[in-house]
Amino acid sequence: MAVAPKGAQGAQAKALARRGAIVDLQRNLLEFMGGVQVDARTTMDDFMAEDMVRSEVHGVIRNVELLKGEWDGEAYTVTGRIKLAEVRSIVCPRVPVDKVIIETEKKAPPPKTSGRYTGLVIDVRHLPLIPSMTFRVFDEAGRAVYGVEFAEQKWLLQSGICSYYNNINYAQGELRVAPNPIKTKAVRLSTGNVDIVIPNSAAAMIRGSSYDFRKECKVLLVVK
């Protein structure tokens, strides 16, 4: 929101107030983006310490999509948005991967014995989860079963590491994981309330699925 400068009248006042409102919107978006969690240990503020990342993020914000504008004769109010996919394309390729996880998967792939599952739904409504652009899912022994290391880059950039829902009945039938998702309840959270620990039984089902849905990020989290 912005008011017209003193002395400005008519169309000029409206135009100047609109310009000021857009600058205010961009400033608010940048402030909000800085606090977005990227992974368990870093936020966007950390990533934007790199000049190239900061420049690219600023470019996305400068091109904010304006959805609505209102002028009441004194102040102009705008509503706008940026698309998360554009931010993911900047950030996700720079998220550090755990090479130990990747090498472990390559050397000793688990036998496919648990059936064909088409996705994963994790209920974390009982825990203070902090939503993040990326995260990892571990079994109770601390072995990773999901994260950026398991996802193909094109799917990670296109649809994100997961989708968030607050209705478990709707989530279980969502197209992203249907028709036969693994459904489980988180045991606890890890690493700053971002990473998730699930029961060993659910982890075994994930590893044993004849269809590796993790590559296409077919994962939903049900939150409060």
C-alpha atoms as a PDB file:
ATOM      1  CA  MET A   1       0.000   0.000   0.000  1.00  0.00           C
ATOM      2  CA  ALA A   2       1.130   3.559  -0.682  1.00  0.00           C
ATOM      3  CA  VAL A   3      -0.353   7.040  -0.588  1.00  0.00           C
ATOM      4  CA  ALA A   4       0.106   9.675  -3.252  1.00  0.00           C
ATOM      5  CA  PRO A   5       2.885  12.238  -2.653  1.00  0.00           C
ATOM      6  CA  LYS A   6       1.809  15.618  -1.340  1.00  0.00           C
ATOM      7  CA  GLY A   7       0.755  17.942  -4.108  1.00  0.00           C
ATOM      8  CA  ALA A   8      -0.006  15.167  -6.597  1.00  0.00           C
ATOM      9  CA  GLN A   9      -3.532  15.166  -7.952  1.00  0.00           C
ATOM     10  CA  GLY A  10      -5.768  13.210 -10.277  1.00  0.00           C
ATOM     11  CA  ALA A  11      -4.213  10.629 -12.580  1.00  0.00           C
ATOM     12  CA  GLN A  12      -0.706  11.574 -11.496  1.00  0.00           C
ATOM     13  CA  ALA A  13      -1.529  10.908  -7.832  1.00  0.00           C
ATOM     14  CA  LYS A  14      -3.011   7.526  -8.710  1.00  0.00           C
ATOM     15  CA  ALA A  15      -0.034   6.510 -10.847  1.00  0.00           C
ATOM     16  CA  LEU A  16       2.531   7.541  -8.238  1.00  0.00           C
ATOM     17  CA  ALA A  17       0.630   5.802  -5.445  1.00  0.00           C
ATOM     18  CA  ARG A  18       0.381   2.644  -7.550  1.00  0.00           C
ATOM     19  CA  ARG A  19       4.116   2.691  -8.204  1.00  0.00           C
ATOM     20  CA  GLY A  20       4.785   3.122  -4.493  1.00  0.00           C
ATOM     21  CA  ALA A  21       2.413   0.266  -3.642  1.00  0.00           C
ATOM     22  CA  ILE A  22       4.254  -2.084  -6.014  1.00  0.00           C
ATOM     23  CA  VAL A  23       7.586  -1.162  -4.409  1.00  0.00           C
ATOM     24  CA  ASP A  24       6.036  -1.830  -0.989  1.00  0.00           C
ATOM     25  CA  LEU A  25       4.751  -5.211  -2.209  1.00  0.00           C
ATOM     26  CA  GLN A  26       8.203  -6.143  -3.519  1.00  0.00           C
ATOM     27  CA  ARG A  27       9.787  -5.121  -0.228  1.00  0.00           C
ATOM     28  CA  ASN A  28       7.300  -7.231   1.735  1.00  0.00           C
ATOM     29  CA  LEU A  29       7.877 -10.233  -0.515  1.00  0.00           C
ATOM     30  CA  LEU A  30      11.635  -9.980  -0.129  1.00  0.00           C
ATOM     31  CA  GLU A  31      11.310  -9.789   3.656  1.00  0.00           C
ATOM     32  CA  PHE A  32       8.998 -12.805   3.679  1.00  0.00           C
ATOM     33  CA  MET A  33      11.230 -14.812   1.336  1.00  0.00           C
ATOM     34  CA  GLY A  34      14.216 -14.293   3.600  1.00  0.00           C
ATOM     35  CA  GLY A  35      12.576 -16.357   6.332  1.00  0.00           C
ATOM     36  CA  VAL A  36      11.511 -19.270   4.117  1.00  0.00           C
ATOM     37  CA  GLN A  37      13.111 -22.531   5.248  1.00  0.00           C
ATOM     38  CA  VAL A  38      15.145 -24.171   2.471  1.00  0.00           C
ATOM     39  CA  ASP A  39      16.268 -27.242   4.380  1.00  0.00           C
ATOM     40  CA  ALA A  40      16.775 -28.258   7.989  1.00  0.00           C
ATOM     41  CA  ARG A  41      19.746 -25.950   8.488  1.00  0.00           C
ATOM     42  CA  THR A  42      19.335 -23.016   6.112  1.00  0.00           C
ATOM     43  CA  THR A  43      16.841 -20.309   5.202  1.00  0.00           C
ATOM     44  CA  MET A  44      16.578 -18.171   2.097  1.00  0.00           C
ATOM     45  CA  ASP A  45      18.523 -15.447   3.932  1.00  0.00           C
ATOM     46  CA  ASP A  46      21.481 -17.845   4.075  1.00  0.00           C
ATOM     47  CA  PHE A  47      21.204 -18.624   0.361  1.00  0.00           C
ATOM     48  CA  MET A  48      20.870 -14.972  -0.563  1.00  0.00           C
ATOM     49  CA  ALA A  49      24.270 -14.286   0.987  1.00  0.00           C
ATOM     50  CA  GLU A  50      25.514 -15.475  -2.416  1.00  0.00           C
ATOM     51  CA  ASP A  51      25.362 -12.592  -4.888  1.00  0.00           C
ATOM     52  CA  MET A  52      24.091 -14.704  -7.782  1.00  0.00           C
ATOM     53  CA  VAL A  53      21.213 -16.152  -5.756  1.00  0.00           C
ATOM     54  CA  ARG A  54      20.268 -12.745  -4.368  1.00  0.00           C
ATOM     55  CA  SER A  55      20.260 -11.263  -7.856  1.00  0.00           C
ATOM     56  CA  GLU A  56      18.062 -14.061  -9.237  1.00  0.00           C
ATOM     57  CA  VAL A  57      15.606 -13.854  -6.325  1.00  0.00           C
ATOM     58  CA  HIS A  58      15.374 -10.083  -6.722  1.00  0.00           C
ATOM     59  CA  GLY A  59      14.615 -10.650 -10.409  1.00  0.00           C
ATOM     60  CA  VAL A  60      11.697 -12.946  -9.536  1.00  0.00           C
ATOM     61  CA  ILE A  61      10.347 -10.396  -7.072  1.00  0.00           C
ATOM     62  CA  ARG A  62      10.696  -7.524  -9.537  1.00  0.00           C
ATOM     63  CA  ASN A  63       8.505  -9.508 -11.921  1.00  0.00           C
ATOM     64  CA  VAL A  64       5.815 -10.050  -9.304  1.00  0.00           C
ATOM     65  CA  GLU A  65       2.439 -10.972 -10.780  1.00  0.00           C
ATOM     66  CA  LEU A  66      -0.136  -8.331  -9.845  1.00  0.00           C
ATOM     67  CA  LEU A  67      -3.531  -9.839  -9.065  1.00  0.00           C
ATOM     68  CA  LYS A  68      -5.524  -6.832  -7.894  1.00  0.00           C
ATOM     69  CA  GLY A  69      -5.222  -3.067  -7.516  1.00  0.00           C
ATOM     70  CA  GLU A  70      -7.521  -0.647  -5.671  1.00  0.00           C
ATOM     71  CA  TRP A  71      -7.465   3.163  -5.520  1.00  0.00           C
ATOM     72  CA  ASP A  72      -9.613   4.988  -2.963  1.00  0.00           C
ATOM     73  CA  GLY A  73      -8.549   8.502  -3.922  1.00  0.00           C
ATOM     74  CA  GLU A  74      -5.792   8.692  -1.308  1.00  0.00           C
ATOM     75  CA  ALA A  75      -4.038   5.314  -1.174  1.00  0.00           C
ATOM     76  CA  TYR A  76      -3.390   2.570  -3.688  1.00  0.00           C
ATOM     77  CA  THR A  77      -3.407  -1.061  -2.579  1.00  0.00           C
ATOM     78  CA  VAL A  78      -2.024  -3.922  -4.671  1.00  0.00           C
ATOM     79  CA  THR A  79      -2.110  -7.673  -4.175  1.00  0.00           C
ATOM     80  CA  GLY A  80       0.413  -9.865  -5.948  1.00  0.00           C
ATOM     81  CA  ARG A  81       2.240 -13.166  -5.922  1.00  0.00           C
ATOM     82  CA  ILE A  82       5.367 -14.920  -7.049  1.00  0.00           C
ATOM     83  CA  LYS A  83       5.303 -18.567  -8.053  1.00  0.00           C
ATOM     84  CA  LEU A  84       7.252 -20.960  -5.894  1.00  0.00           C
ATOM     85  CA  ALA A  85       8.379 -22.941  -8.940  1.00  0.00           C
ATOM     86  CA  GLU A  86      10.465 -19.949 -10.011  1.00  0.00           C
ATOM     87  CA  VAL A  87      12.137 -19.806  -6.603  1.00  0.00           C
ATOM     88  CA  ARG A  88      12.704 -23.579  -6.579  1.00  0.00           C
ATOM     89  CA  SER A  89      14.520 -23.339  -9.903  1.00  0.00           C
ATOM     90  CA  ILE A  90      16.981 -20.958  -8.245  1.00  0.00           C
ATOM     91  CA  VAL A  91      17.407 -22.710  -4.925  1.00  0.00           C
ATOM     92  CA  CYS A  92      16.961 -26.474  -5.354  1.00  0.00           C
ATOM     93  CA  PRO A  93      19.952 -27.043  -7.674  1.00  0.00           C
ATOM     94  CA  ARG A  94      22.101 -25.426  -4.956  1.00  0.00           C
ATOM     95  CA  VAL A  95      20.761 -27.494  -2.035  1.00  0.00           C
ATOM     96  CA  PRO A  96      23.629 -29.699  -0.817  1.00  0.00           C
ATOM     97  CA  VAL A  97      23.014 -33.421  -1.229  1.00  0.00           C
ATOM     98  CA  ASP A  98      24.260 -36.148   1.088  1.00  0.00           C
ATOM     99  CA  LYS A  99      26.629 -38.196  -1.068  1.00  0.00           C
ATOM    100  CA  VAL A 100      26.654 -41.003   1.516  1.00  0.00           C
ATOM    101  CA  ILE A 101      22.909 -41.489   0.992  1.00  0.00           C
ATOM    102  CA  ILE A 102      23.343 -41.579  -2.786  1.00  0.00           C
ATOM    103  CA  GLU A 103      26.221 -44.068  -2.674  1.00  0.00           C
ATOM    104  CA  THR A 104      24.375 -46.300  -0.205  1.00  0.00           C
ATOM    105  CA  GLU A 105      21.359 -46.462  -2.500  1.00  0.00           C
ATOM    106  CA  LYS A 106      23.536 -47.304  -5.508  1.00  0.00           C
ATOM    107  CA  LYS A 107      25.579 -50.005  -3.778  1.00  0.00           C
ATOM    108  CA  ALA A 108      22.848 -51.857  -1.945  1.00  0.00           C
ATOM    109  CA  PRO A 109      19.394 -51.253  -3.435  1.00  0.00           C
ATOM    110  CA  PRO A 110      16.777 -52.989  -1.261  1.00  0.00           C
ATOM    111  CA  PRO A 111      14.777 -55.910  -2.690  1.00  0.00           C
ATOM    112  CA  LYS A 112      11.368 -54.966  -4.072  1.00  0.00           C
ATOM    113  CA  THR A 113       9.187 -57.156  -1.904  1.00  0.00           C
ATOM    114  CA  SER A 114       6.466 -55.010  -0.353  1.00  0.00           C
ATOM    115  CA  GLY A 115       4.183 -54.510  -3.362  1.00  0.00           C
ATOM    116  CA  ARG A 116       3.528 -51.559  -5.635  1.00  0.00           C
ATOM    117  CA  TYR A 117       2.867 -48.282  -3.860  1.00  0.00           C
ATOM    118  CA  THR A 118       2.135 -45.047  -5.687  1.00  0.00           C
ATOM    119  CA  GLY A 119       3.018 -42.453  -3.091  1.00  0.00           C
ATOM    120  CA  LEU A 120       3.523 -41.561   0.555  1.00  0.00           C
ATOM    121  CA  VAL A 121       1.234 -39.711   2.987  1.00  0.00           C
ATOM    122  CA  ILE A 122       2.759 -38.730   6.348  1.00  0.00           C
ATOM    123  CA  ASP A 123       0.542 -37.441   9.143  1.00  0.00           C
ATOM    124  CA  VAL A 124       2.458 -34.827  11.157  1.00  0.00           C
ATOM    125  CA  ARG A 125      -0.510 -32.973  12.616  1.00  0.00           C
ATOM    126  CA  HIS A 126       0.556 -33.904  16.149  1.00  0.00           C
ATOM    127  CA  LEU A 127       4.025 -32.398  15.762  1.00  0.00           C
ATOM    128  CA  PRO A 128       5.332 -28.792  15.390  1.00  0.00           C
ATOM    129  CA  LEU A 129       6.649 -29.265  11.855  1.00  0.00           C
ATOM    130  CA  ILE A 130       8.262 -26.274  10.142  1.00  0.00           C
ATOM    131  CA  PRO A 131       7.363 -26.398   6.411  1.00  0.00           C
ATOM    132  CA  SER A 132      10.456 -26.318   4.220  1.00  0.00           C
ATOM    133  CA  MET A 133      11.307 -26.286   0.516  1.00  0.00           C
ATOM    134  CA  THR A 134      13.315 -29.477   1.064  1.00  0.00           C
ATOM    135  CA  PHE A 135      13.586 -31.955   3.924  1.00  0.00           C
ATOM    136  CA  ARG A 136      14.524 -35.551   4.639  1.00  0.00           C
ATOM    137  CA  VAL A 137      12.534 -38.487   5.978  1.00  0.00           C
ATOM    138  CA  PHE A 138      14.385 -40.997   8.170  1.00  0.00           C
ATOM    139  CA  ASP A 139      13.551 -44.368   9.700  1.00  0.00           C
ATOM    140  CA  GLU A 140      13.907 -44.858  13.451  1.00  0.00           C
ATOM    141  CA  ALA A 141      17.534 -45.933  13.029  1.00  0.00           C
ATOM    142  CA  GLY A 142      18.418 -42.655  11.323  1.00  0.00           C
ATOM    143  CA  ARG A 143      18.668 -44.014   7.764  1.00  0.00           C
ATOM    144  CA  ALA A 144      17.241 -41.729   5.089  1.00  0.00           C
ATOM    145  CA  VAL A 145      14.286 -42.947   3.023  1.00  0.00           C
ATOM    146  CA  TYR A 146      13.325 -39.727   1.248  1.00  0.00           C
ATOM    147  CA  GLY A 147      14.804 -36.353   0.350  1.00  0.00           C
ATOM    148  CA  VAL A 148      16.410 -34.536  -2.559  1.00  0.00           C
ATOM    149  CA  GLU A 149      18.836 -37.440  -2.980  1.00  0.00           C
ATOM    150  CA  PHE A 150      15.974 -39.736  -4.012  1.00  0.00           C
ATOM    151  CA  ALA A 151      14.171 -37.291  -6.320  1.00  0.00           C
ATOM    152  CA  GLU A 152      14.774 -36.604  -9.991  1.00  0.00           C
ATOM    153  CA  GLN A 153      15.649 -32.958 -10.535  1.00  0.00           C
ATOM    154  CA  LYS A 154      12.929 -32.281 -13.114  1.00  0.00           C
ATOM    155  CA  TRP A 155      10.200 -33.449 -10.720  1.00  0.00           C
ATOM    156  CA  LEU A 156      11.720 -31.620  -7.776  1.00  0.00           C
ATOM    157  CA  LEU A 157      11.676 -28.363  -9.730  1.00  0.00           C
ATOM    158  CA  GLN A 158       8.258 -28.957 -11.262  1.00  0.00           C
ATOM    159  CA  SER A 159       6.193 -30.046  -8.272  1.00  0.00           C
ATOM    160  CA  GLY A 160       8.409 -29.568  -5.222  1.00  0.00           C
ATOM    161  CA  ILE A 161       9.560 -32.079  -2.636  1.00  0.00           C
ATOM    162  CA  CYS A 162       5.966 -32.584  -1.424  1.00  0.00           C
ATOM    163  CA  SER A 163       2.506 -31.063  -1.098  1.00  0.00           C
ATOM    164  CA  TYR A 164       1.017 -29.895   2.206  1.00  0.00           C
ATOM    165  CA  TYR A 165      -2.573 -30.605   3.279  1.00  0.00           C
ATOM    166  CA  ASN A 166      -4.563 -30.271   6.480  1.00  0.00           C
ATOM    167  CA  ASN A 167      -7.259 -32.838   5.683  1.00  0.00           C
ATOM    168  CA  ILE A 168      -5.986 -36.413   5.805  1.00  0.00           C
ATOM    169  CA  ASN A 169      -9.015 -37.885   4.033  1.00  0.00           C
ATOM    170  CA  TYR A 170      -8.534 -35.568   1.081  1.00  0.00           C
ATOM    171  CA  ALA A 171      -4.763 -36.119   1.060  1.00  0.00           C
ATOM    172  CA  GLN A 172      -5.052 -39.897   0.826  1.00  0.00           C
ATOM    173  CA  GLY A 173      -7.087 -39.646  -2.381  1.00  0.00           C
ATOM    174  CA  GLU A 174      -5.087 -36.827  -3.958  1.00  0.00           C
ATOM    175  CA  LEU A 175      -3.987 -37.463  -7.527  1.00  0.00           C
ATOM    176  CA  ARG A 176      -0.325 -36.913  -6.673  1.00  0.00           C
ATOM    177  CA  VAL A 177      -0.200 -40.102  -4.554  1.00  0.00           C
ATOM    178  CA  ALA A 178      -3.251 -42.096  -5.691  1.00  0.00           C
ATOM    179  CA  PRO A 179      -4.365 -44.819  -6.004  1.00  0.00           C
ATOM    180  CA  ASN A 180      -2.289 -46.781  -3.465  1.00  0.00           C
ATOM    181  CA  PRO A 181      -0.193 -44.589  -1.170  1.00  0.00           C
ATOM    182  CA  ILE A 182       1.645 -45.699   1.939  1.00  0.00           C
ATOM    183  CA  LYS A 183      -0.025 -43.997   4.903  1.00  0.00           C
ATOM    184  CA  THR A 184       1.918 -43.487   8.105  1.00  0.00           C
ATOM    185  CA  LYS A 185       2.169 -41.266  11.173  1.00  0.00           C
ATOM    186  CA  ALA A 186       5.414 -39.504  12.016  1.00  0.00           C
ATOM    187  CA  VAL A 187       7.199 -40.794  15.105  1.00  0.00           C
ATOM    188  CA  ARG A 188       9.024 -37.553  15.806  1.00  0.00           C
ATOM    189  CA  LEU A 189      10.787 -34.625  14.141  1.00  0.00           C
ATOM    190  CA  SER A 190      14.513 -34.140  13.682  1.00  0.00           C
ATOM    191  CA  THR A 191      16.990 -31.373  12.860  1.00  0.00           C
ATOM    192  CA  GLY A 192      15.189 -28.202  13.799  1.00  0.00           C
ATOM    193  CA  ASN A 193      11.658 -29.629  13.432  1.00  0.00           C
ATOM    194  CA  VAL A 194      12.098 -29.853   9.645  1.00  0.00           C
ATOM    195  CA  ASP A 195      13.175 -33.450   9.008  1.00  0.00           C
ATOM    196  CA  ILE A 196      10.760 -36.280   9.803  1.00  0.00           C
ATOM    197  CA  VAL A 197      11.188 -39.698  11.426  1.00  0.00           C
ATOM    198  CA  ILE A 198       8.702 -42.433  10.445  1.00  0.00           C
ATOM    199  CA  PRO A 199       8.222 -45.997  11.748  1.00  0.00           C
ATOM    200  CA  ASN A 200      10.612 -48.667  10.489  1.00  0.00           C
ATOM    201  CA  SER A 201       7.635 -50.607   9.126  1.00  0.00           C
ATOM    202  CA  ALA A 202       6.651 -47.713   6.830  1.00  0.00           C
ATOM    203  CA  ALA A 203      10.273 -47.195   5.784  1.00  0.00           C
ATOM    204  CA  ALA A 204      10.509 -50.868   4.784  1.00  0.00           C
ATOM    205  CA  MET A 205       7.409 -50.483   2.618  1.00  0.00           C
ATOM    206  CA  ILE A 206       8.929 -47.472   0.873  1.00  0.00           C
ATOM    207  CA  ARG A 207      12.218 -49.242   0.178  1.00  0.00           C
ATOM    208  CA  GLY A 208      10.434 -52.414  -0.922  1.00  0.00           C
ATOM    209  CA  SER A 209       7.948 -50.820  -3.318  1.00  0.00           C
ATOM    210  CA  SER A 210       8.270 -52.129  -6.870  1.00  0.00           C
ATOM    211  CA  TYR A 211       7.550 -48.572  -8.077  1.00  0.00           C
ATOM    212  CA  ASP A 212       9.935 -45.923  -6.755  1.00  0.00           C
ATOM    213  CA  PHE A 213       7.506 -43.024  -6.375  1.00  0.00           C
ATOM    214  CA  ARG A 214      10.211 -40.986  -4.647  1.00  0.00           C
ATOM    215  CA  LYS A 215      11.781 -40.110  -8.003  1.00  0.00           C
ATOM    216  CA  GLU A 216       8.641 -38.171  -8.943  1.00  0.00           C
ATOM    217  CA  CYS A 217       8.224 -36.587  -5.471  1.00  0.00           C
ATOM    218  CA  LYS A 218       4.872 -38.296  -4.875  1.00  0.00           C
ATOM    219  CA  VAL A 219       4.757 -37.359  -1.209  1.00  0.00           C
ATOM    220  CA  LEU A 220       2.150 -35.493   0.865  1.00  0.00           C
ATOM    221  CA  LEU A 221       2.421 -34.123   4.384  1.00  0.00           C
ATOM    222  CA  VAL A 222      -0.701 -33.624   6.473  1.00  0.00           C
ATOM    223  CA  VAL A 223      -0.126 -30.708   8.860  1.00  0.00           C
ATOM    224  CA  LYS A 224      -2.186 -28.763  11.391  1.00  0.00           C
END
